[in-house]
C-alpha cells in the first residue's frame, strides 16, 4: 500500500513500461513535492485503491484499469495522431488525455485539473463535431443502413421486402436530405448518428 486515505497525501501513480514511466515520474516529482503529492511507479496489478490519480504512459487505459474502487481519474499520455477508441466516453468518465510529448508543466496542470474534477483533452485530440445528419424516416433509415453496409439496391429490397423501385425512391429522398448525389457520397456522409 502506497498511502492511506486519511494521511492527506495526494498519491499519483505512474503506470507503464519502467523506462518511460520512470522518466515521467522524475519530471513530475519536483513539482509534486511542492504541492504535497507523492509520485509512485506502479504496475496495473499493484494499484491498491489509495491512488488519487493514475497517469498511464505508453499503454491503453483498458489495460490499466482505474484504482480498484474506480474513483481515481486516469491521465493517458499517447503519441500524437494515435487512433483512440471512444475518446468521448473516456473523458466523460472523468479521465484525461494528453500527447506523450506534452511538457512537464502541461502534464502537471492536467493532473491538477483532473484532481479538481475537470476534463482534460489535448488539442491534438479535439476534432470538430460532425454536422448533424437530418432526420430520416424509419424506411429511409433501413435503406440507408443497407447502403452503408455496401448492399446493392436489389439486396436492400430483398432484405426489407420492398421493390427495387421503392429502394430507389427512398434513396432519392435520402440523397436530397443529405445533400449528396450518389450512394458513395451518402455512405461517406454517415457518422452513425442518423436520427429517426
C-alpha atoms as a PDB file:
ATOM      1  CA  UNK A   1       0.000   0.000   0.000  1.00  0.00           C
ATOM      2  CA  UNK A   2       1.394   3.352  -1.088  1.00  0.00           C
ATOM      3  CA  UNK A   3      -0.644   5.682   1.077  1.00  0.00           C
ATOM      4  CA  UNK A   4      -3.693   5.662   3.260  1.00  0.00           C
ATOM      5  CA  UNK A   5      -6.906   7.558   2.602  1.00  0.00           C
ATOM      6  CA  UNK A   6      -6.608   9.614   5.779  1.00  0.00           C
ATOM      7  CA  UNK A   7      -2.974  10.739   5.577  1.00  0.00           C
ATOM      8  CA  UNK A   8      -3.800  13.850   3.495  1.00  0.00           C
ATOM      9  CA  UNK A   9      -1.172  12.980   0.897  1.00  0.00           C
ATOM     10  CA  UNK A  10      -2.164  13.063  -2.789  1.00  0.00           C
ATOM     11  CA  UNK A  11      -0.873   9.851  -4.394  1.00  0.00           C
ATOM     12  CA  UNK A  12      -0.127   9.979  -8.125  1.00  0.00           C
ATOM     13  CA  UNK A  13       0.650   6.546  -9.569  1.00  0.00           C
ATOM     14  CA  UNK A  14       2.601   6.471 -12.837  1.00  0.00           C
ATOM     15  CA  UNK A  15       1.856   3.224 -14.678  1.00  0.00           C
ATOM     16  CA  UNK A  16       3.618   1.894 -17.753  1.00  0.00           C
ATOM     17  CA  UNK A  17       6.894   0.468 -19.025  1.00  0.00           C
ATOM     18  CA  UNK A  18       9.622   1.102 -16.468  1.00  0.00           C
ATOM     19  CA  UNK A  19      11.932   3.282 -18.562  1.00  0.00           C
ATOM     20  CA  UNK A  20       9.137   5.596 -19.767  1.00  0.00           C
ATOM     21  CA  UNK A  21       7.173   5.816 -16.525  1.00  0.00           C
ATOM     22  CA  UNK A  22      10.355   6.459 -14.535  1.00  0.00           C
ATOM     23  CA  UNK A  23      11.135   9.435 -16.789  1.00  0.00           C
ATOM     24  CA  UNK A  24       7.637  10.879 -16.302  1.00  0.00           C
ATOM     25  CA  UNK A  25       7.814  10.317 -12.542  1.00  0.00           C
ATOM     26  CA  UNK A  26      11.211  12.075 -12.382  1.00  0.00           C
ATOM     27  CA  UNK A  27       9.805  15.028 -14.321  1.00  0.00           C
ATOM     28  CA  UNK A  28       6.728  15.321 -12.085  1.00  0.00           C
ATOM     29  CA  UNK A  29       8.407  14.750  -8.719  1.00  0.00           C
ATOM     30  CA  UNK A  30       9.856  18.249  -8.101  1.00  0.00           C
ATOM     31  CA  UNK A  31       6.541  19.955  -8.905  1.00  0.00           C
ATOM     32  CA  UNK A  32       4.592  17.319  -6.995  1.00  0.00           C
ATOM     33  CA  UNK A  33       6.672  17.736  -3.855  1.00  0.00           C
ATOM     34  CA  UNK A  34       5.855  21.453  -3.845  1.00  0.00           C
ATOM     35  CA  UNK A  35       2.151  20.514  -3.849  1.00  0.00           C
ATOM     36  CA  UNK A  36       2.475  17.797  -1.211  1.00  0.00           C
ATOM     37  CA  UNK A  37       1.960  14.973  -3.692  1.00  0.00           C
ATOM     38  CA  UNK A  38       3.690  11.610  -3.711  1.00  0.00           C
ATOM     39  CA  UNK A  39       4.575  10.268  -7.156  1.00  0.00           C
ATOM     40  CA  UNK A  40       4.966   6.492  -7.310  1.00  0.00           C
ATOM     41  CA  UNK A  41       5.816   3.974 -10.025  1.00  0.00           C
ATOM     42  CA  UNK A  42       3.366   1.087 -10.177  1.00  0.00           C
ATOM     43  CA  UNK A  43       2.133  -1.713 -12.410  1.00  0.00           C
ATOM     44  CA  UNK A  44      -1.602  -2.146 -13.102  1.00  0.00           C
ATOM     45  CA  UNK A  45      -1.869  -5.113 -10.752  1.00  0.00           C
ATOM     46  CA  UNK A  46      -0.227  -3.095  -7.950  1.00  0.00           C
ATOM     47  CA  UNK A  47      -2.942  -0.434  -7.834  1.00  0.00           C
ATOM     48  CA  UNK A  48      -4.461  -0.689  -4.385  1.00  0.00           C
ATOM     49  CA  UNK A  49      -7.293   1.848  -4.289  1.00  0.00           C
ATOM     50  CA  UNK A  50      -5.400   4.581  -2.445  1.00  0.00           C
ATOM     51  CA  UNK A  51      -4.298   6.345  -5.619  1.00  0.00           C
ATOM     52  CA  UNK A  52      -5.790   9.773  -6.159  1.00  0.00           C
ATOM     53  CA  UNK A  53      -4.706   9.922  -9.791  1.00  0.00           C
ATOM     54  CA  UNK A  54      -3.258   7.398 -12.225  1.00  0.00           C
ATOM     55  CA  UNK A  55      -1.003   8.515 -15.078  1.00  0.00           C
ATOM     56  CA  UNK A  56      -0.821   5.878 -17.827  1.00  0.00           C
ATOM     57  CA  UNK A  57       2.255   6.113 -20.018  1.00  0.00           C
ATOM     58  CA  UNK A  58       2.639   4.220 -23.280  1.00  0.00           C
ATOM     59  CA  UNK A  59      -0.308   1.936 -22.752  1.00  0.00           C
ATOM     60  CA  UNK A  60      -4.005   1.511 -23.256  1.00  0.00           C
ATOM     61  CA  UNK A  61      -6.311   2.531 -20.382  1.00  0.00           C
ATOM     62  CA  UNK A  62      -8.493  -0.565 -20.750  1.00  0.00           C
ATOM     63  CA  UNK A  63      -5.300  -2.494 -19.960  1.00  0.00           C
ATOM     64  CA  UNK A  64      -4.657  -0.183 -16.998  1.00  0.00           C
ATOM     65  CA  UNK A  65      -7.899  -0.021 -15.053  1.00  0.00           C
ATOM     66  CA  UNK A  66      -8.523   2.774 -12.603  1.00  0.00           C
ATOM     67  CA  UNK A  67      -7.943   2.206  -8.925  1.00  0.00           C
ATOM     68  CA  UNK A  68      -9.863  -0.793  -7.582  1.00  0.00           C
ATOM     69  CA  UNK A  69     -12.532   1.413  -6.069  1.00  0.00           C
ATOM     70  CA  UNK A  70     -12.999   3.014  -9.522  1.00  0.00           C
ATOM     71  CA  UNK A  71     -12.744   6.581  -8.257  1.00  0.00           C
ATOM     72  CA  UNK A  72      -9.257   7.625  -9.351  1.00  0.00           C
ATOM     73  CA  UNK A  73      -9.164   9.523 -12.635  1.00  0.00           C
ATOM     74  CA  UNK A  74      -6.692   8.401 -15.291  1.00  0.00           C
ATOM     75  CA  UNK A  75      -4.454  10.707 -17.342  1.00  0.00           C
ATOM     76  CA  UNK A  76      -3.475   8.865 -20.514  1.00  0.00           C
ATOM     77  CA  UNK A  77      -0.353  10.004 -22.364  1.00  0.00           C
ATOM     78  CA  UNK A  78      -0.477   8.872 -26.009  1.00  0.00           C
ATOM     79  CA  UNK A  79       1.553   9.547 -29.144  1.00  0.00           C
ATOM     80  CA  UNK A  80       0.219  12.413 -31.285  1.00  0.00           C
ATOM     81  CA  UNK A  81      -2.094  11.181 -34.027  1.00  0.00           C
ATOM     82  CA  UNK A  82      -2.767   7.784 -32.444  1.00  0.00           C
ATOM     83  CA  UNK A  83      -6.266   6.483 -33.137  1.00  0.00           C
ATOM     84  CA  UNK A  84      -8.210   6.443 -29.903  1.00  0.00           C
ATOM     85  CA  UNK A  85     -11.131   4.177 -29.046  1.00  0.00           C
ATOM     86  CA  UNK A  86     -14.172   6.065 -27.741  1.00  0.00           C
ATOM     87  CA  UNK A  87     -12.323   9.129 -26.503  1.00  0.00           C
ATOM     88  CA  UNK A  88     -15.555  10.906 -25.555  1.00  0.00           C
ATOM     89  CA  UNK A  89     -16.629   8.169 -23.134  1.00  0.00           C
ATOM     90  CA  UNK A  90     -13.139   8.004 -21.622  1.00  0.00           C
ATOM     91  CA  UNK A  91     -13.123  11.748 -20.898  1.00  0.00           C
ATOM     92  CA  UNK A  92     -16.780  11.794 -19.858  1.00  0.00           C
ATOM     93  CA  UNK A  93     -15.885   9.246 -17.160  1.00  0.00           C
ATOM     94  CA  UNK A  94     -13.632  11.861 -15.521  1.00  0.00           C
ATOM     95  CA  UNK A  95     -10.377  10.945 -17.216  1.00  0.00           C
ATOM     96  CA  UNK A  96      -7.996  12.958 -19.364  1.00  0.00           C
ATOM     97  CA  UNK A  97      -5.720  12.604 -22.358  1.00  0.00           C
ATOM     98  CA  UNK A  98      -2.538  14.372 -23.444  1.00  0.00           C
ATOM     99  CA  UNK A  99       0.060  13.661 -26.085  1.00  0.00           C
ATOM    100  CA  UNK A 100       3.139  11.951 -24.722  1.00  0.00           C
ATOM    101  CA  UNK A 101       5.265  14.876 -25.884  1.00  0.00           C
ATOM    102  CA  UNK A 102       3.458  17.255 -23.504  1.00  0.00           C
ATOM    103  CA  UNK A 103       5.703  19.371 -21.331  1.00  0.00           C
ATOM    104  CA  UNK A 104       6.150  18.689 -17.638  1.00  0.00           C
ATOM    105  CA  UNK A 105       4.073  21.764 -16.814  1.00  0.00           C
ATOM    106  CA  UNK A 106       1.274  20.598 -19.133  1.00  0.00           C
ATOM    107  CA  UNK A 107       1.228  17.147 -17.536  1.00  0.00           C
ATOM    108  CA  UNK A 108       1.265  18.676 -14.073  1.00  0.00           C
ATOM    109  CA  UNK A 109      -1.527  21.118 -14.984  1.00  0.00           C
ATOM    110  CA  UNK A 110      -3.569  18.218 -16.382  1.00  0.00           C
ATOM    111  CA  UNK A 111      -3.072  16.289 -13.120  1.00  0.00           C
ATOM    112  CA  UNK A 112      -4.263  19.296 -11.114  1.00  0.00           C
ATOM    113  CA  UNK A 113      -7.288  19.738 -13.386  1.00  0.00           C
ATOM    114  CA  UNK A 114      -8.292  16.075 -13.105  1.00  0.00           C
ATOM    115  CA  UNK A 115      -7.940  16.169  -9.331  1.00  0.00           C
ATOM    116  CA  UNK A 116     -10.250  19.199  -9.373  1.00  0.00           C
ATOM    117  CA  UNK A 117     -12.818  17.226 -11.383  1.00  0.00           C
ATOM    118  CA  UNK A 118     -12.217  18.983 -14.713  1.00  0.00           C
ATOM    119  CA  UNK A 119     -11.968  17.414 -18.148  1.00  0.00           C
ATOM    120  CA  UNK A 120      -8.591  17.287 -19.886  1.00  0.00           C
ATOM    121  CA  UNK A 121      -8.170  16.727 -23.621  1.00  0.00           C
ATOM    122  CA  UNK A 122      -5.079  17.530 -25.645  1.00  0.00           C
ATOM    123  CA  UNK A 123      -5.776  19.950 -28.506  1.00  0.00           C
ATOM    124  CA  UNK A 124      -4.277  17.305 -30.814  1.00  0.00           C
ATOM    125  CA  UNK A 125      -7.197  15.015 -29.945  1.00  0.00           C
ATOM    126  CA  UNK A 126     -10.020  17.514 -30.321  1.00  0.00           C
ATOM    127  CA  UNK A 127     -11.968  17.168 -33.532  1.00  0.00           C
ATOM    128  CA  UNK A 128     -14.753  19.291 -34.862  1.00  0.00           C
ATOM    129  CA  UNK A 129     -18.164  17.850 -34.150  1.00  0.00           C
ATOM    130  CA  UNK A 130     -19.660  16.373 -37.292  1.00  0.00           C
ATOM    131  CA  UNK A 131     -22.549  18.260 -38.779  1.00  0.00           C
ATOM    132  CA  UNK A 132     -25.694  16.520 -37.554  1.00  0.00           C
ATOM    133  CA  UNK A 133     -27.427  14.401 -40.130  1.00  0.00           C
ATOM    134  CA  UNK A 134     -31.031  15.198 -40.961  1.00  0.00           C
ATOM    135  CA  UNK A 135     -33.841  13.033 -39.647  1.00  0.00           C
ATOM    136  CA  UNK A 136     -34.743  10.080 -41.825  1.00  0.00           C
ATOM    137  CA  UNK A 137     -37.960   8.123 -41.730  1.00  0.00           C
ATOM    138  CA  UNK A 138     -37.787   4.551 -40.451  1.00  0.00           C
ATOM    139  CA  UNK A 139     -37.979   3.203 -44.022  1.00  0.00           C
ATOM    140  CA  UNK A 140     -35.269   5.607 -45.233  1.00  0.00           C
ATOM    141  CA  UNK A 141     -33.086   4.649 -42.271  1.00  0.00           C
ATOM    142  CA  UNK A 142     -33.418   0.952 -43.144  1.00  0.00           C
ATOM    143  CA  UNK A 143     -32.453   1.635 -46.766  1.00  0.00           C
ATOM    144  CA  UNK A 144     -29.603   3.917 -45.642  1.00  0.00           C
ATOM    145  CA  UNK A 145     -28.266   1.192 -43.327  1.00  0.00           C
ATOM    146  CA  UNK A 146     -28.204  -1.202 -46.285  1.00  0.00           C
ATOM    147  CA  UNK A 147     -26.345   1.322 -48.439  1.00  0.00           C
ATOM    148  CA  UNK A 148     -23.792   1.929 -45.671  1.00  0.00           C
ATOM    149  CA  UNK A 149     -23.340  -1.843 -45.408  1.00  0.00           C
ATOM    150  CA  UNK A 150     -22.459  -1.947 -49.133  1.00  0.00           C
ATOM    151  CA  UNK A 151     -25.613  -3.702 -50.311  1.00  0.00           C
ATOM    152  CA  UNK A 152     -26.960  -3.227 -53.841  1.00  0.00           C
ATOM    153  CA  UNK A 153     -30.462  -1.838 -54.402  1.00  0.00           C
ATOM    154  CA  UNK A 154     -31.657  -5.391 -55.101  1.00  0.00           C
ATOM    155  CA  UNK A 155     -30.100  -6.725 -51.882  1.00  0.00           C
ATOM    156  CA  UNK A 156     -31.603  -3.877 -49.833  1.00  0.00           C
ATOM    157  CA  UNK A 157     -35.022  -4.518 -51.399  1.00  0.00           C
ATOM    158  CA  UNK A 158     -34.870  -8.246 -50.714  1.00  0.00           C
ATOM    159  CA  UNK A 159     -33.752  -7.715 -47.120  1.00  0.00           C
ATOM    160  CA  UNK A 160     -36.575  -5.240 -46.466  1.00  0.00           C
ATOM    161  CA  UNK A 161     -39.262  -6.946 -48.553  1.00  0.00           C
ATOM    162  CA  UNK A 162     -39.687  -3.971 -50.901  1.00  0.00           C
ATOM    163  CA  UNK A 163     -39.167  -3.491 -54.639  1.00  0.00           C
ATOM    164  CA  UNK A 164     -36.033  -2.055 -56.226  1.00  0.00           C
ATOM    165  CA  UNK A 165     -38.122   0.948 -57.368  1.00  0.00           C
ATOM    166  CA  UNK A 166     -39.149   1.623 -53.769  1.00  0.00           C
ATOM    167  CA  UNK A 167     -35.475   1.437 -52.722  1.00  0.00           C
ATOM    168  CA  UNK A 168     -34.635   3.965 -55.452  1.00  0.00           C
ATOM    169  CA  UNK A 169     -37.469   6.221 -54.272  1.00  0.00           C
ATOM    170  CA  UNK A 170     -36.104   6.180 -50.711  1.00  0.00           C
ATOM    171  CA  UNK A 171     -32.554   6.758 -51.962  1.00  0.00           C
ATOM    172  CA  UNK A 172     -33.676   9.865 -53.868  1.00  0.00           C
ATOM    173  CA  UNK A 173     -35.156  11.242 -50.650  1.00  0.00           C
ATOM    174  CA  UNK A 174     -32.050  10.276 -48.630  1.00  0.00           C
ATOM    175  CA  UNK A 175     -29.710  11.934 -51.160  1.00  0.00           C
ATOM    176  CA  UNK A 176     -31.791  15.112 -51.047  1.00  0.00           C
ATOM    177  CA  UNK A 177     -31.778  15.201 -47.219  1.00  0.00           C
ATOM    178  CA  UNK A 178     -28.036  14.542 -47.054  1.00  0.00           C
ATOM    179  CA  UNK A 179     -27.209  16.997 -49.841  1.00  0.00           C
ATOM    180  CA  UNK A 180     -25.414  14.354 -51.920  1.00  0.00           C
ATOM    181  CA  UNK A 181     -25.875  12.911 -55.409  1.00  0.00           C
ATOM    182  CA  UNK A 182     -24.914   9.243 -55.133  1.00  0.00           C
ATOM    183  CA  UNK A 183     -24.718   6.269 -52.760  1.00  0.00           C
ATOM    184  CA  UNK A 184     -20.941   6.586 -52.284  1.00  0.00           C
ATOM    185  CA  UNK A 185     -21.300  10.167 -51.076  1.00  0.00           C
ATOM    186  CA  UNK A 186     -24.257   9.165 -48.883  1.00  0.00           C
ATOM    187  CA  UNK A 187     -22.266   6.397 -47.221  1.00  0.00           C
ATOM    188  CA  UNK A 188     -19.290   8.747 -46.735  1.00  0.00           C
ATOM    189  CA  UNK A 189     -21.591  11.360 -45.155  1.00  0.00           C
ATOM    190  CA  UNK A 190     -22.556   8.851 -42.467  1.00  0.00           C
ATOM    191  CA  UNK A 191     -21.368   9.299 -38.913  1.00  0.00           C
ATOM    192  CA  UNK A 192     -23.681   6.675 -37.469  1.00  0.00           C
ATOM    193  CA  UNK A 193     -25.755   9.355 -35.759  1.00  0.00           C
ATOM    194  CA  UNK A 194     -28.772   9.450 -38.036  1.00  0.00           C
ATOM    195  CA  UNK A 195     -31.840  10.485 -36.082  1.00  0.00           C
ATOM    196  CA  UNK A 196     -35.177   8.796 -36.565  1.00  0.00           C
END
